Amino acid sequence: MSDVHSSRAPEPVGPFPHAKRVGGLLFLSGIGPRVRGRKEIPGVTLAADGSIECYDFEVQCRACIENVRTVMEDAGVPFGSIVDVTAFLTDMKRDFATFNRIYGEHFAGEGKPNPTRTTIEVGSLPTPIAVELKVIAAV
């Protein structure tokens, strides 16, 4: 069992590694659309009081998927090795169709991982984001 810490992915928001390799599997911690070393979040505009003024869900989805890719690359595991994805959305009714479309571009179809998936609506996430992915990959 070994921890994976990426020097390129956003810092974890708690005391945990980006991923953990256990036997033939790689378990990624929840990955959102944040950017390493910056407070700004792609696709999110915050008001002066810290509340969300507006956001671009598509930008958040793409940044989230790229962050998953980065952690996997730094772990030495190909993106195509993903076997399971759990997706957390803060507004299923508003965002599911967009998420499903973008997800399909990266995860479904010829030459793509085509993992199993569960999508769950949550009341909020630890930072002002609208999407987070939890991924398991075969090593």
N, C-alpha and C. Protein backbone atom coordinates (compact mmCIF):
# COMPACT_ATOMS: atom_id res chain seq x y z
N MET A 1 0.85 -1.16 0.00
CA MET A 1 0.00 0.00 0.00
C MET A 1 0.90 1.24 0.00
N SER A 2 0.62 2.18 -0.91
CA SER A 2 1.44 3.40 -0.95
C SER A 2 0.59 4.60 -1.35
N ASP A 3 0.95 5.75 -0.75
CA ASP A 3 0.26 7.00 -1.05
C ASP A 3 0.83 7.62 -2.31
N VAL A 4 -0.03 8.32 -3.05
CA VAL A 4 0.37 9.06 -4.23
C VAL A 4 0.11 10.54 -3.94
N HIS A 5 1.15 11.34 -4.08
CA HIS A 5 1.03 12.79 -3.92
C HIS A 5 1.48 13.43 -5.25
N SER A 6 0.58 14.18 -5.86
CA SER A 6 0.90 14.85 -7.13
C SER A 6 1.44 16.24 -6.84
N SER A 7 2.50 16.61 -7.55
CA SER A 7 3.03 17.97 -7.41
C SER A 7 2.35 18.93 -8.38
N ARG A 8 1.45 18.40 -9.21
CA ARG A 8 0.78 19.25 -10.21
C ARG A 8 -0.71 19.40 -9.96
N ALA A 9 -1.34 18.44 -9.30
CA ALA A 9 -2.79 18.50 -9.05
C ALA A 9 -3.07 19.45 -7.88
N PRO A 10 -4.31 19.93 -7.76
CA PRO A 10 -4.65 20.80 -6.63
C PRO A 10 -4.37 20.10 -5.31
N GLU A 11 -3.96 20.87 -4.33
CA GLU A 11 -3.70 20.32 -3.02
C GLU A 11 -4.99 19.73 -2.44
N PRO A 12 -4.91 18.58 -1.75
CA PRO A 12 -6.11 18.05 -1.08
C PRO A 12 -6.62 19.06 -0.04
N VAL A 13 -7.92 19.07 0.19
CA VAL A 13 -8.49 20.02 1.15
C VAL A 13 -8.52 19.45 2.57
N GLY A 14 -7.85 18.34 2.78
CA GLY A 14 -7.77 17.74 4.10
C GLY A 14 -6.52 16.90 4.22
N PRO A 15 -6.36 16.21 5.35
CA PRO A 15 -5.16 15.40 5.59
C PRO A 15 -5.24 14.03 4.93
N PHE A 16 -5.16 14.01 3.61
CA PHE A 16 -5.22 12.76 2.86
C PHE A 16 -4.43 12.91 1.56
N PRO A 17 -3.99 11.77 0.99
CA PRO A 17 -3.22 11.83 -0.26
C PRO A 17 -4.14 12.01 -1.46
N HIS A 18 -3.57 12.34 -2.60
CA HIS A 18 -4.34 12.41 -3.84
C HIS A 18 -4.90 11.04 -4.19
N ALA A 19 -4.11 10.01 -3.92
CA ALA A 19 -4.54 8.65 -4.26
C ALA A 19 -3.78 7.66 -3.37
N LYS A 20 -4.27 6.43 -3.38
CA LYS A 20 -3.61 5.36 -2.65
C LYS A 20 -3.61 4.12 -3.54
N ARG A 21 -2.42 3.56 -3.69
CA ARG A 21 -2.26 2.32 -4.46
C ARG A 21 -2.33 1.15 -3.49
N VAL A 22 -3.28 0.24 -3.75
CA VAL A 22 -3.46 -0.94 -2.92
C VAL A 22 -3.56 -2.14 -3.84
N GLY A 23 -2.59 -3.03 -3.76
CA GLY A 23 -2.58 -4.18 -4.65
C GLY A 23 -2.63 -3.72 -6.10
N GLY A 24 -3.58 -4.24 -6.85
CA GLY A 24 -3.71 -3.90 -8.26
C GLY A 24 -4.66 -2.75 -8.53
N LEU A 25 -4.98 -1.96 -7.51
CA LEU A 25 -5.93 -0.86 -7.69
C LEU A 25 -5.35 0.47 -7.25
N LEU A 26 -5.82 1.54 -7.87
CA LEU A 26 -5.48 2.90 -7.48
C LEU A 26 -6.79 3.59 -7.10
N PHE A 27 -6.88 4.08 -5.87
CA PHE A 27 -8.06 4.78 -5.36
C PHE A 27 -7.75 6.26 -5.28
N LEU A 28 -8.46 7.09 -6.07
CA LEU A 28 -8.25 8.53 -6.00
C LEU A 28 -9.19 9.12 -4.96
N SER A 29 -8.67 10.06 -4.19
CA SER A 29 -9.52 10.84 -3.30
C SER A 29 -10.43 11.70 -4.18
N GLY A 30 -11.48 12.27 -3.61
CA GLY A 30 -12.36 13.13 -4.39
C GLY A 30 -11.57 14.25 -5.06
N ILE A 31 -11.77 14.42 -6.35
CA ILE A 31 -11.04 15.42 -7.15
C ILE A 31 -12.04 16.42 -7.72
N GLY A 32 -11.79 17.68 -7.45
CA GLY A 32 -12.65 18.74 -7.98
C GLY A 32 -11.92 19.58 -9.01
N PRO A 33 -12.51 20.71 -9.41
CA PRO A 33 -11.93 21.54 -10.48
C PRO A 33 -10.98 22.62 -9.99
N ARG A 34 -10.44 22.49 -8.80
CA ARG A 34 -9.54 23.54 -8.30
C ARG A 34 -8.20 23.53 -9.05
N VAL A 35 -7.39 24.57 -8.81
CA VAL A 35 -6.08 24.70 -9.45
C VAL A 35 -5.01 24.76 -8.35
N ARG A 36 -3.95 24.00 -8.53
CA ARG A 36 -2.88 23.96 -7.53
C ARG A 36 -2.31 25.36 -7.25
N GLY A 37 -2.19 25.68 -5.96
CA GLY A 37 -1.54 26.91 -5.55
C GLY A 37 -2.34 28.18 -5.74
N ARG A 38 -3.62 28.04 -6.16
CA ARG A 38 -4.44 29.23 -6.39
C ARG A 38 -5.78 29.09 -5.68
N LYS A 39 -6.34 30.21 -5.29
CA LYS A 39 -7.65 30.19 -4.65
C LYS A 39 -8.78 30.19 -5.69
N GLU A 40 -8.47 30.71 -6.90
CA GLU A 40 -9.50 30.74 -7.94
C GLU A 40 -9.87 29.32 -8.34
N ILE A 41 -11.14 29.15 -8.69
CA ILE A 41 -11.62 27.86 -9.16
C ILE A 41 -12.14 28.06 -10.58
N PRO A 42 -11.64 27.28 -11.55
CA PRO A 42 -12.12 27.43 -12.92
C PRO A 42 -13.64 27.35 -12.99
N GLY A 43 -14.24 28.30 -13.65
CA GLY A 43 -15.68 28.31 -13.84
C GLY A 43 -16.47 28.86 -12.67
N VAL A 44 -15.80 29.40 -11.65
CA VAL A 44 -16.51 29.95 -10.48
C VAL A 44 -16.11 31.40 -10.28
N THR A 45 -17.11 32.27 -10.13
CA THR A 45 -16.87 33.66 -9.78
C THR A 45 -17.49 33.88 -8.41
N LEU A 46 -16.65 34.30 -7.46
CA LEU A 46 -17.13 34.53 -6.10
C LEU A 46 -17.40 36.01 -5.87
N ALA A 47 -18.42 36.30 -5.08
CA ALA A 47 -18.73 37.67 -4.67
C ALA A 47 -17.77 38.05 -3.55
N ALA A 48 -17.75 39.30 -3.17
CA ALA A 48 -16.85 39.80 -2.13
C ALA A 48 -17.05 39.06 -0.80
N ASP A 49 -18.28 38.61 -0.53
CA ASP A 49 -18.57 37.91 0.73
C ASP A 49 -18.24 36.41 0.66
N GLY A 50 -17.69 35.95 -0.48
CA GLY A 50 -17.32 34.54 -0.62
C GLY A 50 -18.41 33.65 -1.18
N SER A 51 -19.61 34.20 -1.37
CA SER A 51 -20.69 33.41 -1.95
C SER A 51 -20.48 33.28 -3.46
N ILE A 52 -21.11 32.28 -4.05
CA ILE A 52 -20.97 32.06 -5.49
C ILE A 52 -21.84 33.07 -6.23
N GLU A 53 -21.18 33.89 -7.03
CA GLU A 53 -21.88 34.89 -7.84
C GLU A 53 -22.41 34.23 -9.11
N CYS A 54 -21.56 33.48 -9.78
CA CYS A 54 -21.98 32.71 -10.95
C CYS A 54 -20.94 31.64 -11.22
N TYR A 55 -21.35 30.64 -11.97
CA TYR A 55 -20.38 29.61 -12.32
C TYR A 55 -20.72 29.00 -13.66
N ASP A 56 -19.68 28.44 -14.27
CA ASP A 56 -19.79 27.76 -15.55
C ASP A 56 -19.53 26.29 -15.28
N PHE A 57 -20.60 25.51 -15.23
CA PHE A 57 -20.51 24.10 -14.86
C PHE A 57 -19.66 23.32 -15.85
N GLU A 58 -19.75 23.64 -17.12
CA GLU A 58 -18.96 22.92 -18.12
C GLU A 58 -17.46 23.11 -17.88
N VAL A 59 -17.04 24.32 -17.58
CA VAL A 59 -15.63 24.59 -17.28
C VAL A 59 -15.20 23.78 -16.05
N GLN A 60 -16.06 23.73 -15.03
CA GLN A 60 -15.74 22.95 -13.83
C GLN A 60 -15.57 21.47 -14.16
N CYS A 61 -16.47 20.92 -14.98
CA CYS A 61 -16.38 19.50 -15.35
C CYS A 61 -15.08 19.19 -16.05
N ARG A 62 -14.74 20.00 -17.02
CA ARG A 62 -13.51 19.76 -17.78
C ARG A 62 -12.27 19.88 -16.89
N ALA A 63 -12.24 20.87 -15.99
CA ALA A 63 -11.10 21.03 -15.08
C ALA A 63 -11.01 19.84 -14.12
N CYS A 64 -12.14 19.36 -13.67
CA CYS A 64 -12.19 18.21 -12.77
C CYS A 64 -11.60 16.96 -13.45
N ILE A 65 -12.01 16.70 -14.66
CA ILE A 65 -11.51 15.54 -15.40
C ILE A 65 -10.02 15.68 -15.67
N GLU A 66 -9.56 16.88 -16.00
CA GLU A 66 -8.12 17.08 -16.21
C GLU A 66 -7.33 16.85 -14.93
N ASN A 67 -7.90 17.22 -13.79
CA ASN A 67 -7.23 16.98 -12.51
C ASN A 67 -7.13 15.48 -12.22
N VAL A 68 -8.17 14.73 -12.57
CA VAL A 68 -8.11 13.27 -12.42
C VAL A 68 -6.98 12.72 -13.30
N ARG A 69 -6.93 13.18 -14.54
CA ARG A 69 -5.87 12.77 -15.46
C ARG A 69 -4.48 13.05 -14.89
N THR A 70 -4.31 14.23 -14.31
CA THR A 70 -3.02 14.63 -13.74
C THR A 70 -2.60 13.71 -12.60
N VAL A 71 -3.50 13.42 -11.69
CA VAL A 71 -3.17 12.54 -10.57
C VAL A 71 -2.81 11.15 -11.09
N MET A 72 -3.56 10.66 -12.07
CA MET A 72 -3.27 9.34 -12.62
C MET A 72 -1.91 9.32 -13.32
N GLU A 73 -1.62 10.35 -14.10
CA GLU A 73 -0.30 10.43 -14.76
C GLU A 73 0.82 10.42 -13.73
N ASP A 74 0.65 11.21 -12.67
CA ASP A 74 1.68 11.27 -11.64
C ASP A 74 1.81 9.96 -10.86
N ALA A 75 0.75 9.16 -10.87
CA ALA A 75 0.79 7.84 -10.24
C ALA A 75 1.34 6.79 -11.20
N GLY A 76 1.53 7.18 -12.48
CA GLY A 76 2.03 6.25 -13.48
C GLY A 76 0.98 5.27 -13.97
N VAL A 77 -0.29 5.67 -13.88
CA VAL A 77 -1.39 4.80 -14.29
C VAL A 77 -2.13 5.47 -15.44
N PRO A 78 -2.33 4.77 -16.57
CA PRO A 78 -3.02 5.37 -17.72
C PRO A 78 -4.49 5.71 -17.42
N PHE A 79 -4.96 6.81 -17.97
CA PHE A 79 -6.35 7.24 -17.81
C PHE A 79 -7.31 6.14 -18.25
N GLY A 80 -6.94 5.37 -19.23
CA GLY A 80 -7.78 4.28 -19.73
C GLY A 80 -7.94 3.12 -18.77
N SER A 81 -7.25 3.16 -17.63
CA SER A 81 -7.33 2.10 -16.63
C SER A 81 -8.45 2.31 -15.62
N ILE A 82 -9.20 3.40 -15.74
CA ILE A 82 -10.28 3.69 -14.79
C ILE A 82 -11.37 2.61 -14.93
N VAL A 83 -11.77 2.05 -13.78
CA VAL A 83 -12.81 1.01 -13.79
C VAL A 83 -14.10 1.47 -13.13
N ASP A 84 -14.04 2.52 -12.28
CA ASP A 84 -15.24 2.97 -11.60
C ASP A 84 -15.14 4.46 -11.29
N VAL A 85 -16.24 5.18 -11.47
CA VAL A 85 -16.32 6.61 -11.17
C VAL A 85 -17.55 6.86 -10.32
N THR A 86 -17.36 7.59 -9.23
CA THR A 86 -18.48 8.12 -8.46
C THR A 86 -18.45 9.62 -8.66
N ALA A 87 -19.55 10.17 -9.15
CA ALA A 87 -19.63 11.61 -9.42
C ALA A 87 -20.57 12.25 -8.42
N PHE A 88 -20.14 13.37 -7.85
CA PHE A 88 -20.95 14.13 -6.91
C PHE A 88 -21.30 15.45 -7.55
N LEU A 89 -22.60 15.73 -7.69
CA LEU A 89 -23.09 16.98 -8.26
C LEU A 89 -23.91 17.70 -7.19
N THR A 90 -23.80 19.02 -7.13
CA THR A 90 -24.58 19.76 -6.14
C THR A 90 -25.99 20.12 -6.64
N ASP A 91 -26.24 19.97 -7.94
CA ASP A 91 -27.57 20.24 -8.48
C ASP A 91 -27.83 19.31 -9.66
N MET A 92 -28.36 18.14 -9.37
CA MET A 92 -28.58 17.12 -10.39
C MET A 92 -29.52 17.62 -11.49
N LYS A 93 -30.60 18.25 -11.11
CA LYS A 93 -31.60 18.68 -12.09
C LYS A 93 -31.00 19.67 -13.09
N ARG A 94 -30.24 20.62 -12.60
CA ARG A 94 -29.67 21.66 -13.45
C ARG A 94 -28.47 21.15 -14.26
N ASP A 95 -27.62 20.30 -13.65
CA ASP A 95 -26.32 20.01 -14.23
C ASP A 95 -26.12 18.62 -14.82
N PHE A 96 -27.03 17.69 -14.60
CA PHE A 96 -26.80 16.31 -15.02
C PHE A 96 -26.59 16.16 -16.53
N ALA A 97 -27.41 16.81 -17.33
CA ALA A 97 -27.30 16.66 -18.79
C ALA A 97 -25.93 17.15 -19.27
N THR A 98 -25.47 18.27 -18.75
CA THR A 98 -24.15 18.80 -19.13
C THR A 98 -23.06 17.84 -18.68
N PHE A 99 -23.17 17.37 -17.43
CA PHE A 99 -22.18 16.43 -16.91
C PHE A 99 -22.13 15.17 -17.77
N ASN A 100 -23.27 14.62 -18.08
CA ASN A 100 -23.36 13.38 -18.86
C ASN A 100 -22.70 13.55 -20.23
N ARG A 101 -22.93 14.70 -20.87
CA ARG A 101 -22.35 14.97 -22.19
C ARG A 101 -20.82 15.03 -22.11
N ILE A 102 -20.32 15.80 -21.16
CA ILE A 102 -18.86 15.96 -21.03
C ILE A 102 -18.23 14.65 -20.58
N TYR A 103 -18.86 13.95 -19.67
CA TYR A 103 -18.37 12.65 -19.22
C TYR A 103 -18.21 11.71 -20.41
N GLY A 104 -19.21 11.68 -21.28
CA GLY A 104 -19.17 10.82 -22.46
C GLY A 104 -17.99 11.13 -23.37
N GLU A 105 -17.64 12.41 -23.49
CA GLU A 105 -16.49 12.80 -24.33
C GLU A 105 -15.19 12.20 -23.83
N HIS A 106 -15.07 12.01 -22.53
CA HIS A 106 -13.80 11.57 -21.93
C HIS A 106 -13.78 10.10 -21.49
N PHE A 107 -14.95 9.55 -21.17
CA PHE A 107 -14.98 8.22 -20.56
C PHE A 107 -15.67 7.14 -21.38
N ALA A 108 -16.48 7.51 -22.35
CA ALA A 108 -17.26 6.50 -23.09
C ALA A 108 -16.92 6.52 -24.57
N GLY A 109 -16.97 5.37 -25.18
CA GLY A 109 -16.71 5.29 -26.61
C GLY A 109 -15.41 4.56 -26.93
N GLU A 110 -15.15 4.42 -28.19
CA GLU A 110 -13.98 3.70 -28.70
C GLU A 110 -12.67 4.21 -28.07
N GLY A 111 -11.90 3.31 -27.49
CA GLY A 111 -10.60 3.64 -26.95
C GLY A 111 -10.62 4.41 -25.63
N LYS A 112 -11.79 4.54 -25.00
CA LYS A 112 -11.91 5.26 -23.74
C LYS A 112 -12.22 4.26 -22.62
N PRO A 113 -11.98 4.63 -21.36
CA PRO A 113 -12.07 3.65 -20.28
C PRO A 113 -13.44 3.00 -20.08
N ASN A 114 -14.55 3.70 -20.35
CA ASN A 114 -15.91 3.19 -20.20
C ASN A 114 -16.12 2.48 -18.85
N PRO A 115 -15.84 3.19 -17.74
CA PRO A 115 -15.99 2.59 -16.41
C PRO A 115 -17.45 2.52 -15.96
N THR A 116 -17.69 1.77 -14.89
CA THR A 116 -18.99 1.84 -14.24
C THR A 116 -19.08 3.22 -13.60
N ARG A 117 -20.32 3.69 -13.32
CA ARG A 117 -20.47 5.03 -12.76
C ARG A 117 -21.69 5.12 -11.88
N THR A 118 -21.55 5.89 -10.81
CA THR A 118 -22.66 6.26 -9.95
C THR A 118 -22.63 7.77 -9.84
N THR A 119 -23.78 8.42 -9.99
CA THR A 119 -23.86 9.87 -9.87
C THR A 119 -24.80 10.20 -8.72
N ILE A 120 -24.32 11.01 -7.80
CA ILE A 120 -25.05 11.32 -6.57
C ILE A 120 -25.17 12.83 -6.42
N GLU A 121 -26.36 13.30 -6.03
CA GLU A 121 -26.52 14.71 -5.70
C GLU A 121 -26.20 14.91 -4.22
N VAL A 122 -25.38 15.92 -3.94
CA VAL A 122 -25.03 16.26 -2.56
C VAL A 122 -25.41 17.71 -2.29
N GLY A 123 -25.63 18.04 -1.02
CA GLY A 123 -26.02 19.40 -0.65
C GLY A 123 -24.94 20.42 -0.88
N SER A 124 -23.69 20.01 -0.68
CA SER A 124 -22.55 20.90 -0.93
C SER A 124 -21.28 20.08 -0.95
N LEU A 125 -20.21 20.70 -1.40
CA LEU A 125 -18.88 20.09 -1.41
C LEU A 125 -17.97 20.99 -0.58
N PRO A 126 -16.78 20.51 -0.18
CA PRO A 126 -15.95 21.27 0.76
C PRO A 126 -15.48 22.64 0.30
N THR A 127 -15.44 22.88 -0.98
CA THR A 127 -15.10 24.20 -1.51
C THR A 127 -16.25 24.61 -2.42
N PRO A 128 -16.33 25.85 -2.89
CA PRO A 128 -17.47 26.28 -3.71
C PRO A 128 -17.42 25.72 -5.13
N ILE A 129 -17.57 24.42 -5.23
CA ILE A 129 -17.57 23.73 -6.52
C ILE A 129 -18.89 23.00 -6.68
N ALA A 130 -19.21 22.62 -7.91
CA ALA A 130 -20.48 21.94 -8.19
C ALA A 130 -20.30 20.50 -8.62
N VAL A 131 -19.03 20.04 -8.74
CA VAL A 131 -18.77 18.67 -9.19
C VAL A 131 -17.48 18.16 -8.56
N GLU A 132 -17.48 16.88 -8.22
CA GLU A 132 -16.29 16.21 -7.73
C GLU A 132 -16.34 14.75 -8.19
N LEU A 133 -15.19 14.18 -8.52
CA LEU A 133 -15.12 12.79 -8.97
C LEU A 133 -14.28 11.96 -8.02
N LYS A 134 -14.75 10.76 -7.74
CA LYS A 134 -14.03 9.76 -6.96
C LYS A 134 -13.80 8.60 -7.91
N VAL A 135 -12.54 8.21 -8.11
CA VAL A 135 -12.17 7.28 -9.17
C VAL A 135 -11.39 6.09 -8.63
N ILE A 136 -11.66 4.92 -9.20
CA ILE A 136 -10.88 3.72 -8.93
C ILE A 136 -10.34 3.22 -10.28
N ALA A 137 -9.04 2.90 -10.31
CA ALA A 137 -8.42 2.42 -11.55
C ALA A 137 -7.65 1.14 -11.28
N ALA A 138 -7.54 0.32 -12.32
CA ALA A 138 -6.71 -0.88 -12.25
C ALA A 138 -5.27 -0.47 -12.55
N VAL A 139 -4.33 -0.99 -11.77
CA VAL A 139 -2.92 -0.63 -11.95
C VAL A 139 -2.29 -1.63 -12.90
